[in-house]
């Protein structure tokens, strides 16, 4: 209902389970797949992996809807290739904006999810010494600073304000970080930052 009322969005298909979602997404080739985690049969994580996971040819952009009770699945879904997460109780305008963000090739991780994820997994994260990545040494001090702020859930505008630079400069830093670390998007950068103990 929310999406149908948006003039610049078109719903090209719907599915009630993971298997049907995969089939429909491959056939209809949508710009964004809005995926639930809990579905009958194949769940949203498995379906996301099939559509956007490692080694998938022509991966789809998947935006996952989650609830507070499903936070334990956040990391698995991101590893499966999801481009973002949104809470089911988010306002309609946030859902519409999230779809546009993911469609544009950016990633979205709601700050509240980042915070809750940190609270749940911080104690299990390895130290930087345990999982040091050589490519991290190639980052400049400013790029490392930007990576840490991205991992904390800040938007480009918020990072620009914090570092007192232009948003264009922040976008350049983010692009360089992703290129140097061979990452697809901001979500993968967040996972890397947590896994390496940067944040």
Protein backbone atom coordinates (compact mmCIF):
# COMPACT_ATOMS: atom_id res chain seq x y z
CA UNK A 1 0.00 0.00 0.00
CA UNK A 2 2.82 2.39 0.92
CA UNK A 3 4.83 1.69 -2.22
CA UNK A 4 1.83 1.72 -4.57
CA UNK A 5 1.11 5.33 -3.61
CA UNK A 6 4.62 6.47 -4.65
CA UNK A 7 4.62 7.86 -8.21
CA UNK A 8 8.29 7.04 -8.83
CA UNK A 9 8.14 3.46 -7.53
CA UNK A 10 6.65 0.49 -9.35
CA UNK A 11 5.99 -2.89 -7.79
CA UNK A 12 6.85 -5.47 -10.44
CA UNK A 13 6.21 -8.59 -8.39
CA UNK A 14 5.41 -10.11 -5.01
CA UNK A 15 6.22 -13.46 -3.41
CA UNK A 16 5.15 -15.23 -0.24
CA UNK A 17 8.24 -17.36 0.37
CA UNK A 18 11.98 -17.38 -0.32
CA UNK A 19 11.85 -19.80 -3.25
CA UNK A 20 9.18 -17.77 -5.03
CA UNK A 21 11.10 -14.58 -4.29
CA UNK A 22 14.23 -15.94 -5.97
CA UNK A 23 12.27 -17.08 -9.00
CA UNK A 24 10.41 -13.77 -9.33
CA UNK A 25 13.54 -11.64 -8.83
CA UNK A 26 15.46 -13.55 -11.50
CA UNK A 27 12.58 -13.36 -13.95
CA UNK A 28 11.49 -9.74 -13.33
CA UNK A 29 14.95 -8.25 -12.62
CA UNK A 30 13.79 -5.51 -10.21
CA UNK A 31 16.03 -2.61 -9.19
CA UNK A 32 15.53 -3.52 -5.51
CA UNK A 33 14.27 -6.64 -3.74
CA UNK A 34 12.50 -5.89 -0.46
CA UNK A 35 13.05 -9.06 1.59
CA UNK A 36 11.52 -10.29 4.83
CA UNK A 37 13.60 -12.58 7.03
CA UNK A 38 10.84 -14.86 8.26
CA UNK A 39 9.02 -16.64 5.46
CA UNK A 40 7.67 -20.13 5.01
CA UNK A 41 10.03 -22.66 3.43
CA UNK A 42 13.23 -20.85 2.52
CA UNK A 43 13.91 -17.87 4.78
CA UNK A 44 15.05 -14.42 3.72
CA UNK A 45 18.71 -15.05 4.53
CA UNK A 46 18.90 -18.07 2.22
CA UNK A 47 16.98 -16.22 -0.49
CA UNK A 48 19.27 -13.19 -0.16
CA UNK A 49 22.35 -15.42 -0.47
CA UNK A 50 20.93 -16.94 -3.66
CA UNK A 51 20.22 -13.50 -5.14
CA UNK A 52 23.15 -11.42 -3.89
CA UNK A 53 25.68 -13.68 -2.19
CA UNK A 54 29.32 -14.31 -3.02
CA UNK A 55 29.83 -15.55 -6.56
CA UNK A 56 26.31 -14.70 -7.74
CA UNK A 57 26.29 -13.45 -11.31
CA UNK A 58 24.40 -10.16 -11.68
CA UNK A 59 23.65 -9.85 -7.93
CA UNK A 60 20.41 -8.15 -6.91
CA UNK A 61 20.20 -5.22 -4.50
CA UNK A 62 18.39 -6.59 -1.45
CA UNK A 63 16.89 -4.46 1.31
CA UNK A 64 15.90 -6.53 4.33
CA UNK A 65 13.13 -5.70 6.77
CA UNK A 66 13.72 -6.88 10.32
CA UNK A 67 12.30 -6.58 13.81
CA UNK A 68 14.11 -6.05 17.10
CA UNK A 69 13.66 -9.73 17.90
CA UNK A 70 15.65 -10.82 14.83
CA UNK A 71 18.90 -8.94 15.41
CA UNK A 72 20.86 -12.17 15.66
CA UNK A 73 20.30 -12.60 11.92
CA UNK A 74 21.64 -9.18 10.91
CA UNK A 75 25.27 -10.20 10.36
CA UNK A 76 24.33 -13.40 8.53
CA UNK A 77 22.06 -11.46 6.19
CA UNK A 78 24.73 -8.88 5.46
CA UNK A 79 27.23 -11.64 4.75
CA UNK A 80 24.60 -13.15 2.46
CA UNK A 81 24.80 -9.98 0.36
CA UNK A 82 22.05 -7.71 1.67
CA UNK A 83 22.59 -4.04 0.86
CA UNK A 84 20.72 -2.80 3.88
CA UNK A 85 18.45 -3.23 6.83
CA UNK A 86 15.32 -1.38 7.87
CA UNK A 87 13.11 -1.95 10.88
CA UNK A 88 9.54 -2.99 10.17
CA UNK A 89 8.18 -0.23 12.39
CA UNK A 90 10.02 2.49 10.45
CA UNK A 91 7.86 5.34 9.13
CA UNK A 92 6.60 4.95 5.53
CA UNK A 93 8.85 7.78 4.30
CA UNK A 94 11.90 5.94 5.68
CA UNK A 95 10.97 2.82 3.73
CA UNK A 96 10.63 4.83 0.52
CA UNK A 97 13.94 6.63 1.14
CA UNK A 98 15.70 3.33 1.92
CA UNK A 99 14.54 1.84 -1.39
CA UNK A 100 15.91 4.87 -3.26
CA UNK A 101 19.23 4.66 -1.38
CA UNK A 102 19.69 0.96 -2.17
CA UNK A 103 18.53 1.44 -5.78
CA UNK A 104 21.21 4.12 -6.21
CA UNK A 105 23.87 1.57 -5.26
CA UNK A 106 24.42 2.75 -1.71
CA UNK A 107 23.98 0.69 1.42
CA UNK A 108 21.77 1.37 4.39
CA UNK A 109 22.21 0.20 7.96
CA UNK A 110 19.86 1.91 10.38
CA UNK A 111 21.87 3.49 13.22
CA UNK A 112 19.60 1.85 15.80
CA UNK A 113 20.40 -1.56 14.30
CA UNK A 114 24.12 -0.73 14.35
CA UNK A 115 23.86 0.15 18.04
CA UNK A 116 21.89 -2.99 18.93
CA UNK A 117 24.22 -5.14 16.86
CA UNK A 118 27.21 -3.69 18.69
CA UNK A 119 25.59 -4.39 22.06
CA UNK A 120 24.98 -8.02 21.10
CA UNK A 121 28.26 -8.93 19.47
CA UNK A 122 30.88 -6.55 20.88
CA UNK A 123 32.09 -9.08 23.43
CA UNK A 124 32.55 -11.73 20.72
CA UNK A 125 34.46 -9.55 18.29
CA UNK A 126 38.12 -10.41 17.74
CA UNK A 127 40.83 -7.94 18.53
CA UNK A 128 42.51 -6.05 15.70
CA UNK A 129 45.69 -8.05 16.31
CA UNK A 130 43.84 -11.33 15.80
CA UNK A 131 42.45 -10.42 12.39
CA UNK A 132 44.66 -7.65 11.07
CA UNK A 133 44.14 -7.09 7.37
CA UNK A 134 47.22 -5.87 5.45
CA UNK A 135 45.07 -3.64 3.23
CA UNK A 136 44.10 -1.60 6.30
CA UNK A 137 47.70 -0.41 6.42
CA UNK A 138 47.19 1.19 2.99
CA UNK A 139 44.50 3.53 4.31
CA UNK A 140 45.48 7.08 5.18
CA UNK A 141 44.70 8.35 8.67
CA UNK A 142 41.71 10.27 7.31
CA UNK A 143 40.40 7.22 5.40
CA UNK A 144 40.70 5.12 8.56
CA UNK A 145 38.81 7.80 10.47
CA UNK A 146 36.07 7.82 7.81
CA UNK A 147 35.85 4.00 7.92
CA UNK A 148 35.33 4.10 11.69
CA UNK A 149 32.57 6.72 11.34
CA UNK A 150 30.86 4.72 8.58
CA UNK A 151 30.99 1.67 10.86
CA UNK A 152 29.25 3.63 13.58
CA UNK A 153 26.31 4.24 11.23
CA UNK A 154 26.96 7.88 10.30
CA UNK A 155 25.73 9.14 6.93
CA UNK A 156 27.99 11.03 4.53
CA UNK A 157 26.40 14.30 5.63
CA UNK A 158 26.99 13.51 9.31
CA UNK A 159 30.61 12.51 8.64
CA UNK A 160 31.14 15.74 6.65
CA UNK A 161 29.79 17.79 9.55
CA UNK A 162 31.91 15.94 12.11
CA UNK A 163 35.14 16.25 10.10
CA UNK A 164 34.33 19.77 8.84
CA UNK A 165 34.72 18.82 5.18
CA UNK A 166 32.34 18.75 2.22
CA UNK A 167 30.04 15.81 1.57
CA UNK A 168 31.79 15.33 -1.79
CA UNK A 169 35.11 14.90 0.05
CA UNK A 170 33.53 12.28 2.30
CA UNK A 171 32.16 10.40 -0.74
CA UNK A 172 35.67 10.40 -2.22
CA UNK A 173 37.16 9.02 1.01
CA UNK A 174 34.46 6.32 1.22
CA UNK A 175 35.07 5.32 -2.42
CA UNK A 176 38.82 5.05 -1.80
CA UNK A 177 38.28 2.98 1.35
CA UNK A 178 35.99 0.57 -0.52
CA UNK A 179 38.44 0.31 -3.43
CA UNK A 180 41.52 -0.23 -1.26
CA UNK A 181 39.80 -2.86 0.86
CA UNK A 182 38.08 -4.48 -2.16
CA UNK A 183 34.62 -4.03 -0.61
CA UNK A 184 31.35 -3.80 -2.50
CA UNK A 185 29.55 -1.28 -0.32
CA UNK A 186 29.27 0.43 3.09
CA UNK A 187 27.63 -2.60 4.68
CA UNK A 188 30.69 -4.74 3.95
CA UNK A 189 32.84 -1.93 5.36
CA UNK A 190 30.83 -2.01 8.60
CA UNK A 191 31.27 -5.78 8.91
CA UNK A 192 35.02 -5.51 8.25
CA UNK A 193 35.42 -2.74 10.83
CA UNK A 194 33.71 -4.87 13.49
CA UNK A 195 35.49 -8.08 12.55
CA UNK A 196 38.89 -6.42 12.71
CA UNK A 197 38.14 -4.66 16.00
CA UNK A 198 38.41 -1.14 14.54
CA UNK A 199 35.21 -0.23 16.38
